[in-house]
């Protein structure tokens, strides 16, 4: 059984205020940000924004690092 899931990873961020604006979809019912990966840049109305990768709490990652809490 794979136990390396986002919800127990050091890089998982479910607390940031902007997580509330992530739409809930069937594939990602418990979204949050992966802070391990650098933000992607998106252009929106002539402005550039950095956007962290959105992951689900139960997704697996090969770069998992256990949270020390």
PDB file of N, CA and C in Angstrom:
ATOM      1  N   UNK A   1       0.852  -1.193   0.000  1.00  0.00           N
ATOM      2  CA  UNK A   1       0.000   0.000   0.000  1.00  0.00           C
ATOM      3  C   UNK A   1       0.889   1.245   0.000  1.00  0.00           C
ATOM      4  N   UNK A   2       0.577   2.193  -0.849  1.00  0.00           N
ATOM      5  CA  UNK A   2       1.352   3.429  -0.947  1.00  0.00           C
ATOM      6  C   UNK A   2       0.911   4.388   0.156  1.00  0.00           C
ATOM      7  N   UNK A   3       1.860   4.831   0.960  1.00  0.00           N
ATOM      8  CA  UNK A   3       1.533   5.760   2.056  1.00  0.00           C
ATOM      9  C   UNK A   3       2.067   7.159   1.805  1.00  0.00           C
ATOM     10  N   UNK A   4       2.800   7.355   0.718  1.00  0.00           N
ATOM     11  CA  UNK A   4       3.360   8.665   0.423  1.00  0.00           C
ATOM     12  C   UNK A   4       2.316   9.545  -0.262  1.00  0.00           C
ATOM     13  N   UNK A   5       1.458  10.130   0.526  1.00  0.00           N
ATOM     14  CA  UNK A   5       0.373  10.946  -0.020  1.00  0.00           C
ATOM     15  C   UNK A   5       0.559  12.410   0.358  1.00  0.00           C
ATOM     16  N   UNK A   6       0.011  13.285  -0.448  1.00  0.00           N
ATOM     17  CA  UNK A   6       0.162  14.720  -0.225  1.00  0.00           C
ATOM     18  C   UNK A   6      -0.218  15.145   1.192  1.00  0.00           C
ATOM     19  N   UNK A   7      -1.295  14.603   1.732  1.00  0.00           N
ATOM     20  CA  UNK A   7      -1.794  15.061   3.030  1.00  0.00           C
ATOM     21  C   UNK A   7      -0.813  14.842   4.182  1.00  0.00           C
ATOM     22  N   UNK A   8       0.193  13.972   4.010  1.00  0.00           N
ATOM     23  CA  UNK A   8       1.185  13.759   5.065  1.00  0.00           C
ATOM     24  C   UNK A   8       2.571  14.245   4.643  1.00  0.00           C
ATOM     25  N   UNK A   9       2.640  15.047   3.606  1.00  0.00           N
ATOM     26  CA  UNK A   9       3.911  15.523   3.068  1.00  0.00           C
ATOM     27  C   UNK A   9       4.255  16.905   3.624  1.00  0.00           C
ATOM     28  N   UNK A  10       5.543  17.134   3.816  1.00  0.00           N
ATOM     29  CA  UNK A  10       6.046  18.417   4.293  1.00  0.00           C
ATOM     30  C   UNK A  10       5.663  19.563   3.362  1.00  0.00           C
ATOM     31  N   UNK A  11       5.591  19.300   2.075  1.00  0.00           N
ATOM     32  CA  UNK A  11       5.341  20.341   1.079  1.00  0.00           C
ATOM     33  C   UNK A  11       3.852  20.650   0.877  1.00  0.00           C
ATOM     34  N   UNK A  12       2.949  19.906   1.486  1.00  0.00           N
ATOM     35  CA  UNK A  12       1.506  20.066   1.313  1.00  0.00           C
ATOM     36  C   UNK A  12       1.012  21.328   2.017  1.00  0.00           C
ATOM     37  N   UNK A  13       0.233  22.143   1.322  1.00  0.00           N
ATOM     38  CA  UNK A  13      -0.327  23.369   1.895  1.00  0.00           C
ATOM     39  C   UNK A  13      -1.829  23.399   1.671  1.00  0.00           C
ATOM     40  N   UNK A  14      -2.563  23.179   2.713  1.00  0.00           N
ATOM     41  CA  UNK A  14      -4.027  23.216   2.676  1.00  0.00           C
ATOM     42  C   UNK A  14      -4.546  24.432   3.442  1.00  0.00           C
ATOM     43  N   UNK A  15      -3.634  25.198   4.069  1.00  0.00           N
ATOM     44  CA  UNK A  15      -4.022  26.296   4.953  1.00  0.00           C
ATOM     45  C   UNK A  15      -4.094  27.669   4.290  1.00  0.00           C
ATOM     46  N   UNK A  16      -3.408  27.845   3.174  1.00  0.00           N
ATOM     47  CA  UNK A  16      -3.376  29.168   2.541  1.00  0.00           C
ATOM     48  C   UNK A  16      -4.780  29.627   2.171  1.00  0.00           C
ATOM     49  N   UNK A  17      -5.037  30.903   2.336  1.00  0.00           N
ATOM     50  CA  UNK A  17      -6.375  31.475   2.081  1.00  0.00           C
ATOM     51  C   UNK A  17      -6.860  31.199   0.651  1.00  0.00           C
ATOM     52  N   UNK A  18      -5.946  31.158  -0.306  1.00  0.00           N
ATOM     53  CA  UNK A  18      -6.369  30.964  -1.699  1.00  0.00           C
ATOM     54  C   UNK A  18      -6.809  29.535  -2.007  1.00  0.00           C
ATOM     55  N   UNK A  19      -6.571  28.587  -1.100  1.00  0.00           N
ATOM     56  CA  UNK A  19      -7.058  27.214  -1.307  1.00  0.00           C
ATOM     57  C   UNK A  19      -8.587  27.224  -1.380  1.00  0.00           C
ATOM     58  N   UNK A  20      -9.220  28.142  -0.678  1.00  0.00           N
ATOM     59  CA  UNK A  20     -10.689  28.223  -0.692  1.00  0.00           C
ATOM     60  C   UNK A  20     -11.247  28.545  -2.069  1.00  0.00           C
ATOM     61  N   UNK A  21     -10.427  29.152  -2.932  1.00  0.00           N
ATOM     62  CA  UNK A  21     -10.913  29.524  -4.264  1.00  0.00           C
ATOM     63  C   UNK A  21     -10.726  28.414  -5.301  1.00  0.00           C
ATOM     64  N   UNK A  22     -10.109  27.301  -4.910  1.00  0.00           N
ATOM     65  CA  UNK A  22      -9.919  26.179  -5.841  1.00  0.00           C
ATOM     66  C   UNK A  22     -11.247  25.446  -6.004  1.00  0.00           C
ATOM     67  N   UNK A  23     -11.724  25.307  -7.233  1.00  0.00           N
ATOM     68  CA  UNK A  23     -12.990  24.586  -7.423  1.00  0.00           C
ATOM     69  C   UNK A  23     -12.855  23.110  -7.040  1.00  0.00           C
ATOM     70  N   UNK A  24     -13.860  22.589  -6.374  1.00  0.00           N
ATOM     71  CA  UNK A  24     -13.884  21.174  -5.995  1.00  0.00           C
ATOM     72  C   UNK A  24     -14.406  20.382  -7.192  1.00  0.00           C
ATOM     73  N   UNK A  25     -13.612  19.426  -7.644  1.00  0.00           N
ATOM     74  CA  UNK A  25     -14.037  18.560  -8.745  1.00  0.00           C
ATOM     75  C   UNK A  25     -13.912  17.108  -8.284  1.00  0.00           C
ATOM     76  N   UNK A  26     -14.535  16.221  -9.007  1.00  0.00           N
ATOM     77  CA  UNK A  26     -14.545  14.801  -8.627  1.00  0.00           C
ATOM     78  C   UNK A  26     -13.140  14.220  -8.498  1.00  0.00           C
ATOM     79  N   UNK A  27     -12.233  14.611  -9.394  1.00  0.00           N
ATOM     80  CA  UNK A  27     -10.870  14.078  -9.387  1.00  0.00           C
ATOM     81  C   UNK A  27     -10.025  14.633  -8.241  1.00  0.00           C
ATOM     82  N   UNK A  28     -10.397  15.799  -7.708  1.00  0.00           N
ATOM     83  CA  UNK A  28      -9.647  16.443  -6.625  1.00  0.00           C
ATOM     84  C   UNK A  28     -10.624  16.969  -5.563  1.00  0.00           C
ATOM     85  N   UNK A  29     -11.208  16.067  -4.768  1.00  0.00           N
ATOM     86  CA  UNK A  29     -12.190  16.505  -3.772  1.00  0.00           C
ATOM     87  C   UNK A  29     -11.580  17.205  -2.558  1.00  0.00           C
ATOM     88  N   UNK A  30     -10.262  17.047  -2.328  1.00  0.00           N
ATOM     89  CA  UNK A  30      -9.582  17.675  -1.191  1.00  0.00           C
ATOM     90  C   UNK A  30      -8.338  18.415  -1.683  1.00  0.00           C
ATOM     91  N   UNK A  31      -8.536  19.542  -2.391  1.00  0.00           N
ATOM     92  CA  UNK A  31      -7.408  20.211  -3.032  1.00  0.00           C
ATOM     93  C   UNK A  31      -6.523  20.985  -2.057  1.00  0.00           C
ATOM     94  N   UNK A  32      -5.311  21.188  -2.509  1.00  0.00           N
ATOM     95  CA  UNK A  32      -4.341  22.005  -1.806  1.00  0.00           C
ATOM     96  C   UNK A  32      -3.168  22.256  -2.738  1.00  0.00           C
ATOM     97  N   UNK A  33      -2.157  22.946  -2.246  1.00  0.00           N
ATOM     98  CA  UNK A  33      -1.008  23.283  -3.076  1.00  0.00           C
ATOM     99  C   UNK A  33       0.198  22.412  -2.760  1.00  0.00           C
ATOM    100  N   UNK A  34       0.948  22.077  -3.792  1.00  0.00           N
ATOM    101  CA  UNK A  34       2.242  21.424  -3.630  1.00  0.00           C
ATOM    102  C   UNK A  34       3.277  22.532  -3.631  1.00  0.00           C
ATOM    103  N   UNK A  35       3.937  22.755  -2.508  1.00  0.00           N
ATOM    104  CA  UNK A  35       4.949  23.806  -2.400  1.00  0.00           C
ATOM    105  C   UNK A  35       6.342  23.313  -2.805  1.00  0.00           C
ATOM    106  N   UNK A  36       6.463  22.045  -3.150  1.00  0.00           N
ATOM    107  CA  UNK A  36       7.740  21.509  -3.617  1.00  0.00           C
ATOM    108  C   UNK A  36       8.050  22.023  -5.019  1.00  0.00           C
ATOM    109  N   UNK A  37       7.049  22.062  -5.859  1.00  0.00           N
ATOM    110  CA  UNK A  37       7.225  22.500  -7.241  1.00  0.00           C
ATOM    111  C   UNK A  37       7.131  24.022  -7.332  1.00  0.00           C
ATOM    112  N   UNK A  38       7.906  24.590  -8.243  1.00  0.00           N
ATOM    113  CA  UNK A  38       7.841  26.048  -8.413  1.00  0.00           C
ATOM    114  C   UNK A  38       6.521  26.425  -9.080  1.00  0.00           C
ATOM    115  N   UNK A  39       6.062  27.654  -8.847  1.00  0.00           N
ATOM    116  CA  UNK A  39       4.791  28.080  -9.450  1.00  0.00           C
ATOM    117  C   UNK A  39       4.879  28.138 -10.978  1.00  0.00           C
ATOM    118  N   UNK A  40       3.768  27.853 -11.614  1.00  0.00           N
ATOM    119  CA  UNK A  40       3.631  28.077 -13.047  1.00  0.00           C
ATOM    120  C   UNK A  40       3.220  29.528 -13.226  1.00  0.00           C
ATOM    121  N   UNK A  41       3.569  30.103 -14.357  1.00  0.00           N
ATOM    122  CA  UNK A  41       3.206  31.496 -14.631  1.00  0.00           C
ATOM    123  C   UNK A  41       2.037  31.495 -15.603  1.00  0.00           C
ATOM    124  N   UNK A  42       0.994  32.248 -15.236  1.00  0.00           N
ATOM    125  CA  UNK A  42      -0.162  32.389 -16.114  1.00  0.00           C
ATOM    126  C   UNK A  42      -0.397  33.871 -16.390  1.00  0.00           C
ATOM    127  N   UNK A  43      -0.884  34.162 -17.584  1.00  0.00           N
ATOM    128  CA  UNK A  43      -1.216  35.529 -17.972  1.00  0.00           C
ATOM    129  C   UNK A  43      -2.722  35.705 -17.837  1.00  0.00           C
ATOM    130  N   UNK A  44      -3.129  36.713 -17.074  1.00  0.00           N
ATOM    131  CA  UNK A  44      -4.550  36.978 -16.871  1.00  0.00           C
ATOM    132  C   UNK A  44      -4.773  38.483 -16.944  1.00  0.00           C
ATOM    133  N   UNK A  45      -5.515  38.921 -17.950  1.00  0.00           N
ATOM    134  CA  UNK A  45      -5.821  40.341 -18.148  1.00  0.00           C
ATOM    135  C   UNK A  45      -4.574  41.219 -18.080  1.00  0.00           C
ATOM    136  N   UNK A  46      -3.569  40.845 -18.885  1.00  0.00           N
ATOM    137  CA  UNK A  46      -2.314  41.590 -19.022  1.00  0.00           C
ATOM    138  C   UNK A  46      -1.440  41.588 -17.764  1.00  0.00           C
ATOM    139  N   UNK A  47      -1.676  40.672 -16.845  1.00  0.00           N
ATOM    140  CA  UNK A  47      -0.855  40.543 -15.640  1.00  0.00           C
ATOM    141  C   UNK A  47      -0.372  39.096 -15.529  1.00  0.00           C
ATOM    142  N   UNK A  48       0.836  38.940 -15.044  1.00  0.00           N
ATOM    143  CA  UNK A  48       1.401  37.603 -14.832  1.00  0.00           C
ATOM    144  C   UNK A  48       1.255  37.215 -13.370  1.00  0.00           C
ATOM    145  N   UNK A  49       0.822  35.981 -13.143  1.00  0.00           N
ATOM    146  CA  UNK A  49       0.640  35.468 -11.790  1.00  0.00           C
ATOM    147  C   UNK A  49       1.361  34.128 -11.655  1.00  0.00           C
ATOM    148  N   UNK A  50       1.932  33.900 -10.470  1.00  0.00           N
ATOM    149  CA  UNK A  50       2.505  32.591 -10.166  1.00  0.00           C
ATOM    150  C   UNK A  50       1.435  31.731  -9.524  1.00  0.00           C
ATOM    151  N   UNK A  51       1.250  30.524 -10.026  1.00  0.00           N
ATOM    152  CA  UNK A  51       0.217  29.621  -9.515  1.00  0.00           C
ATOM    153  C   UNK A  51       0.864  28.305  -9.114  1.00  0.00           C
ATOM    154  N   UNK A  52       0.728  27.938  -7.840  1.00  0.00           N
ATOM    155  CA  UNK A  52       1.270  26.671  -7.352  1.00  0.00           C
ATOM    156  C   UNK A  52       0.480  25.507  -7.939  1.00  0.00           C
ATOM    157  N   UNK A  53       1.131  24.365  -8.150  1.00  0.00           N
ATOM    158  CA  UNK A  53       0.405  23.187  -8.627  1.00  0.00           C
ATOM    159  C   UNK A  53      -0.669  22.767  -7.613  1.00  0.00           C
ATOM    160  N   UNK A  54      -1.854  22.472  -8.109  1.00  0.00           N
ATOM    161  CA  UNK A  54      -2.956  22.021  -7.260  1.00  0.00           C
ATOM    162  C   UNK A  54      -2.977  20.496  -7.269  1.00  0.00           C
ATOM    163  N   UNK A  55      -2.970  19.931  -6.064  1.00  0.00           N
ATOM    164  CA  UNK A  55      -2.968  18.479  -5.898  1.00  0.00           C
ATOM    165  C   UNK A  55      -4.133  18.099  -4.996  1.00  0.00           C
ATOM    166  N   UNK A  56      -4.439  16.809  -4.954  1.00  0.00           N
ATOM    167  CA  UNK A  56      -5.440  16.302  -4.027  1.00  0.00           C
ATOM    168  C   UNK A  56      -4.709  15.672  -2.837  1.00  0.00           C
ATOM    169  N   UNK A  57      -5.324  15.721  -1.665  1.00  0.00           N
ATOM    170  CA  UNK A  57      -4.716  15.209  -0.431  1.00  0.00           C
ATOM    171  C   UNK A  57      -4.302  13.742  -0.537  1.00  0.00           C
ATOM    172  N   UNK A  58      -4.992  12.957  -1.352  1.00  0.00           N
ATOM    173  CA  UNK A  58      -4.703  11.526  -1.455  1.00  0.00           C
ATOM    174  C   UNK A  58      -3.845  11.151  -2.664  1.00  0.00           C
ATOM    175  N   UNK A  59      -3.284  12.142  -3.356  1.00  0.00           N
ATOM    176  CA  UNK A  59      -2.418  11.834  -4.491  1.00  0.00           C
ATOM    177  C   UNK A  59      -1.044  11.388  -4.010  1.00  0.00           C
ATOM    178  N   UNK A  60      -0.361  10.614  -4.852  1.00  0.00           N
ATOM    179  CA  UNK A  60       0.978  10.110  -4.581  1.00  0.00           C
ATOM    180  C   UNK A  60       1.996  10.958  -5.341  1.00  0.00           C
ATOM    181  N   UNK A  61       3.186  11.134  -4.741  1.00  0.00           N
ATOM    182  CA  UNK A  61       4.247  11.880  -5.409  1.00  0.00           C
ATOM    183  C   UNK A  61       5.577  11.188  -5.151  1.00  0.00           C
ATOM    184  N   UNK A  62       6.424  11.106  -6.147  1.00  0.00           N
ATOM    185  CA  UNK A  62       7.739  10.513  -6.011  1.00  0.00           C
ATOM    186  C   UNK A  62       8.711  11.390  -5.239  1.00  0.00           C
ATOM    187  N   UNK A  63       8.359  12.661  -4.993  1.00  0.00           N
ATOM    188  CA  UNK A  63       9.222  13.565  -4.246  1.00  0.00           C
ATOM    189  C   UNK A  63       8.698  13.791  -2.821  1.00  0.00           C
ATOM    190  N   UNK A  64       7.903  12.877  -2.343  1.00  0.00           N
ATOM    191  CA  UNK A  64       7.311  12.946  -1.009  1.00  0.00           C
ATOM    192  C   UNK A  64       8.396  13.118   0.055  1.00  0.00           C
ATOM    193  N   UNK A  65       8.136  14.002   1.011  1.00  0.00           N
ATOM    194  CA  UNK A  65       9.014  14.152   2.176  1.00  0.00           C
ATOM    195  C   UNK A  65       8.105  14.198   3.394  1.00  0.00           C
ATOM    196  N   UNK A  66       8.299  13.273   4.307  1.00  0.00           N
ATOM    197  CA  UNK A  66       7.435  13.176   5.460  1.00  0.00           C
ATOM    198  C   UNK A  66       7.475  14.435   6.323  1.00  0.00           C
ATOM    199  N   UNK A  67       6.302  14.883   6.741  1.00  0.00           N
ATOM    200  CA  UNK A  67       6.194  16.059   7.600  1.00  0.00           C
ATOM    201  C   UNK A  67       6.715  15.697   8.987  1.00  0.00           C
ATOM    202  N   UNK A  68       7.471  16.585   9.591  1.00  0.00           N
ATOM    203  CA  UNK A  68       8.087  16.328  10.911  1.00  0.00           C
ATOM    204  C   UNK A  68       7.153  16.620  12.072  1.00  0.00           C
ATOM    205  N   UNK A  69       5.956  17.080  11.818  1.00  0.00           N
ATOM    206  CA  UNK A  69       5.028  17.449  12.896  1.00  0.00           C
ATOM    207  C   UNK A  69       4.556  16.260  13.670  1.00  0.00           C
TER     208      UNK A  69
END
